[in-house]
Amino acid sequence: MQYSVIDHCYMVCVGKNEKIIDTLTKFCVGMDILSSQDFQPSAS
């Protein structure tokens, strides 16, 4: 898994043999995002 920040948004790149839900779960756990309510983009 690779990710980058572009203009305050995250871009997560899923590898060819990775399962999307597993990759997103690992990303969220690593970023301390426990639910969609924890990840609200700012209105700036």
C-alpha atoms as a PDB file:
ATOM      1  CA  MET A   1       0.000   0.000   0.000  1.00  0.00           C
ATOM      2  CA  GLN A   2       1.144   3.499  -0.773  1.00  0.00           C
ATOM      3  CA  TYR A   3      -0.544   6.754   0.073  1.00  0.00           C
ATOM      4  CA  SER A   4       0.098  10.433  -0.391  1.00  0.00           C
ATOM      5  CA  VAL A   5      -1.490  13.709   0.628  1.00  0.00           C
ATOM      6  CA  ILE A   6      -2.664  15.945  -2.180  1.00  0.00           C
ATOM      7  CA  ASP A   7      -4.263  19.268  -1.247  1.00  0.00           C
ATOM      8  CA  HIS A   8      -5.414  17.995   2.202  1.00  0.00           C
ATOM      9  CA  CYS A   9      -6.847  14.800   0.686  1.00  0.00           C
ATOM     10  CA  TYR A  10      -5.409  11.294   0.894  1.00  0.00           C
ATOM     11  CA  MET A  11      -4.785   9.194  -2.194  1.00  0.00           C
ATOM     12  CA  VAL A  12      -4.443   5.496  -1.346  1.00  0.00           C
ATOM     13  CA  CYS A  13      -2.894   3.262  -4.006  1.00  0.00           C
ATOM     14  CA  VAL A  14      -3.928  -0.380  -3.790  1.00  0.00           C
ATOM     15  CA  GLY A  15      -1.417  -2.938  -5.072  1.00  0.00           C
ATOM     16  CA  LYS A  16      -2.314  -5.505  -7.704  1.00  0.00           C
ATOM     17  CA  ASN A  17      -2.644  -8.391  -5.245  1.00  0.00           C
ATOM     18  CA  GLU A  18      -4.110  -6.433  -2.325  1.00  0.00           C
ATOM     19  CA  LYS A  19      -7.726  -6.602  -1.231  1.00  0.00           C
ATOM     20  CA  ILE A  20      -9.250  -3.125  -1.223  1.00  0.00           C
ATOM     21  CA  ILE A  21     -11.084  -3.436   2.103  1.00  0.00           C
ATOM     22  CA  ASP A  22      -7.990  -4.823   3.867  1.00  0.00           C
ATOM     23  CA  THR A  23      -5.833  -2.033   2.463  1.00  0.00           C
ATOM     24  CA  LEU A  24      -8.280   0.695   3.479  1.00  0.00           C
ATOM     25  CA  THR A  25      -8.666  -0.841   6.937  1.00  0.00           C
ATOM     26  CA  LYS A  26      -4.876  -0.852   7.440  1.00  0.00           C
ATOM     27  CA  PHE A  27      -4.698   2.755   6.236  1.00  0.00           C
ATOM     28  CA  CYS A  28      -7.456   3.914   8.597  1.00  0.00           C
ATOM     29  CA  VAL A  29      -6.008   2.075  11.595  1.00  0.00           C
ATOM     30  CA  GLY A  30      -2.566   3.506  10.850  1.00  0.00           C
ATOM     31  CA  MET A  31      -3.987   7.023  10.637  1.00  0.00           C
ATOM     32  CA  ASP A  32      -6.143   6.577  13.805  1.00  0.00           C
ATOM     33  CA  ILE A  33      -9.362   6.927  11.792  1.00  0.00           C
ATOM     34  CA  LEU A  34     -11.890   4.761  13.626  1.00  0.00           C
ATOM     35  CA  SER A  35     -15.012   5.770  11.711  1.00  0.00           C
ATOM     36  CA  SER A  36     -16.058   8.019   8.852  1.00  0.00           C
ATOM     37  CA  GLN A  37     -17.063  10.627  11.437  1.00  0.00           C
ATOM     38  CA  ASP A  38     -13.417  10.839  12.554  1.00  0.00           C
ATOM     39  CA  PHE A  39     -12.373  11.818   9.032  1.00  0.00           C
ATOM     40  CA  GLN A  40     -14.093  15.040   8.052  1.00  0.00           C
ATOM     41  CA  PRO A  41     -12.211  17.252   5.599  1.00  0.00           C
ATOM     42  CA  SER A  42     -11.893  20.839   6.719  1.00  0.00           C
ATOM     43  CA  ALA A  43     -13.871  23.482   4.861  1.00  0.00           C
ATOM     44  CA  SER A  44     -10.816  25.663   4.240  1.00  0.00           C
END
